[in-house]
C-alpha atoms as a PDB file:
ATOM      1  CA  MET A   1      25.611 -42.204  15.185  1.00  0.00           C
ATOM      2  CA  GLU A   2      27.538 -45.346  14.000  1.00  0.00           C
ATOM      3  CA  TYR A   3      30.493 -43.060  13.086  1.00  0.00           C
ATOM      4  CA  VAL A   4      30.900 -42.044  16.711  1.00  0.00           C
ATOM      5  CA  GLU A   5      30.677 -45.515  17.900  1.00  0.00           C
ATOM      6  CA  SER A   6      33.256 -46.803  15.729  1.00  0.00           C
ATOM      7  CA  MET A   7      35.618 -44.163  17.157  1.00  0.00           C
ATOM      8  CA  ASN A   8      35.298 -45.173  20.628  1.00  0.00           C
ATOM      9  CA  PRO A   9      36.335 -48.791  20.583  1.00  0.00           C
ATOM     10  CA  ARG A  10      34.878 -51.172  23.345  1.00  0.00           C
ATOM     11  CA  LEU A  11      36.861 -51.358  26.554  1.00  0.00           C
ATOM     12  CA  TYR A  12      36.856 -54.191  29.083  1.00  0.00           C
ATOM     13  CA  THR A  13      37.708 -54.397  32.615  1.00  0.00           C
ATOM     14  CA  THR A  14      39.989 -57.239  33.621  1.00  0.00           C
ATOM     15  CA  GLY A  15      37.160 -59.499  34.973  1.00  0.00           C
ATOM     16  CA  GLU A  16      35.310 -58.637  31.713  1.00  0.00           C
ATOM     17  CA  ALA A  17      38.277 -59.628  29.543  1.00  0.00           C
ATOM     18  CA  ALA A  18      38.692 -62.717  31.534  1.00  0.00           C
ATOM     19  CA  THR A  19      34.979 -63.702  31.028  1.00  0.00           C
ATOM     20  CA  ALA A  20      35.423 -62.962  27.213  1.00  0.00           C
ATOM     21  CA  VAL A  21      38.075 -65.461  27.016  1.00  0.00           C
ATOM     22  CA  GLY A  22      36.662 -68.117  29.463  1.00  0.00           C
ATOM     23  CA  ILE A  23      38.884 -67.740  32.182  1.00  0.00           C
ATOM     24  CA  THR A  24      38.749 -66.202  35.794  1.00  0.00           C
ATOM     25  CA  ARG A  25      39.871 -62.629  36.712  1.00  0.00           C
ATOM     26  CA  ALA A  26      42.250 -64.411  39.326  1.00  0.00           C
ATOM     27  CA  THR A  27      43.776 -66.392  36.348  1.00  0.00           C
ATOM     28  CA  VAL A  28      44.704 -63.345  34.424  1.00  0.00           C
ATOM     29  CA  GLN A  29      45.927 -61.476  37.501  1.00  0.00           C
ATOM     30  CA  ALA A  30      47.930 -64.715  38.225  1.00  0.00           C
ATOM     31  CA  TRP A  31      49.276 -64.524  34.694  1.00  0.00           C
ATOM     32  CA  ILE A  32      50.247 -61.028  35.075  1.00  0.00           C
ATOM     33  CA  ALA A  33      52.101 -61.469  38.427  1.00  0.00           C
ATOM     34  CA  LYS A  34      54.232 -64.387  36.708  1.00  0.00           C
ATOM     35  CA  LYS A  35      54.757 -62.376  33.717  1.00  0.00           C
ATOM     36  CA  LYS A  36      53.054 -64.747  31.342  1.00  0.00           C
ATOM     37  CA  ILE A  37      51.229 -61.795  29.751  1.00  0.00           C
ATOM     38  CA  ARG A  38      51.773 -58.226  29.368  1.00  0.00           C
ATOM     39  CA  PRO A  39      48.771 -56.449  30.533  1.00  0.00           C
ATOM     40  CA  PRO A  40      47.563 -52.978  29.401  1.00  0.00           C
ATOM     41  CA  LYS A  41      48.793 -50.066  31.223  1.00  0.00           C
ATOM     42  CA  MET A  42      47.069 -48.789  34.524  1.00  0.00           C
ATOM     43  CA  ILE A  43      44.673 -45.917  34.248  1.00  0.00           C
ATOM     44  CA  VAL A  44      44.009 -43.906  37.149  1.00  0.00           C
ATOM     45  CA  PHE A  45      40.531 -42.434  38.070  1.00  0.00           C
ATOM     46  CA  GLY A  46      40.753 -40.485  41.186  1.00  0.00           C
ATOM     47  CA  ASN A  47      42.006 -42.814  43.860  1.00  0.00           C
ATOM     48  CA  VAL A  48      41.251 -45.874  41.825  1.00  0.00           C
ATOM     49  CA  SER A  49      43.808 -47.447  39.344  1.00  0.00           C
ATOM     50  CA  VAL A  50      42.262 -49.846  36.728  1.00  0.00           C
ATOM     51  CA  ARG A  51      43.258 -51.660  33.747  1.00  0.00           C
ATOM     52  CA  MET A  52      41.312 -51.308  30.697  1.00  0.00           C
ATOM     53  CA  TRP A  53      41.505 -54.013  27.872  1.00  0.00           C
ATOM     54  CA  THR A  54      40.850 -53.227  24.198  1.00  0.00           C
ATOM     55  CA  GLU A  55      39.620 -55.682  21.692  1.00  0.00           C
ATOM     56  CA  SER A  56      43.219 -56.401  20.762  1.00  0.00           C
ATOM     57  CA  ASP A  57      44.185 -56.893  24.292  1.00  0.00           C
ATOM     58  CA  VAL A  58      41.384 -59.428  24.625  1.00  0.00           C
ATOM     59  CA  GLU A  59      42.585 -61.059  21.565  1.00  0.00           C
ATOM     60  CA  LYS A  60      46.067 -61.341  22.840  1.00  0.00           C
ATOM     61  CA  LEU A  61      44.759 -62.756  25.965  1.00  0.00           C
ATOM     62  CA  ARG A  62      42.763 -65.372  23.997  1.00  0.00           C
ATOM     63  CA  LEU A  63      46.040 -66.577  22.230  1.00  0.00           C
ATOM     64  CA  ALA A  64      47.808 -66.641  25.483  1.00  0.00           C
ATOM     65  CA  LYS A  65      45.185 -68.872  26.862  1.00  0.00           C
ATOM     66  CA  GLN A  66      45.592 -71.355  23.914  1.00  0.00           C
ATOM     67  CA  LYS A  67      49.320 -71.281  24.492  1.00  0.00           C
ATOM     68  CA  LEU A  68      49.132 -71.851  28.275  1.00  0.00           C
ATOM     69  CA  TYR A  69      46.239 -74.202  28.171  1.00  0.00           C
ATOM     70  CA  ARG A  70      47.474 -76.700  25.933  1.00  0.00           C
ATOM     71  CA  LYS A  71      44.884 -79.645  25.518  1.00  0.00           C
ATOM     72  CA  ASP A  72      47.189 -82.386  25.159  1.00  0.00           C
ATOM     73  CA  VAL A  73      48.937 -81.878  28.607  1.00  0.00           C
ATOM     74  CA  GLY A  74      46.669 -82.302  31.688  1.00  0.00           C
ATOM     75  CA  ARG A  75      47.163 -81.998  35.222  1.00  0.00           C
ATOM     76  CA  PRO A  76      49.408 -84.979  36.426  1.00  0.00           C
ATOM     77  CA  THR A  77      47.539 -87.796  38.292  1.00  0.00           C
ATOM     78  CA  LYS A  78      47.995 -88.349  41.981  1.00  0.00           C
ATOM     79  CA  PRO A  79      50.126 -91.656  42.662  1.00  0.00           C
ATOM     80  CA  ARG A  80      48.172 -94.418  44.351  1.00  0.00           C
ATOM     81  CA  ARG A  81      49.029 -95.270  47.866  1.00  0.00           C
END
């Protein structure tokens, strides 16, 4: 049975991919909208369109997070009044 399982790679929804990387689904969607990352193609199931992320897509998302969330750069502090 292991042979069959290895032929069917694990697929993630956008929310699952985001959770696996440690960010929110809204963040992933914002990055897609701002063209910071290239998402997988949409798959249509009846009236519903979804993105299914493969392991390699999740790894690319993880690398994008490392690039976009630089640890040495934080949010600027607000000036005191």
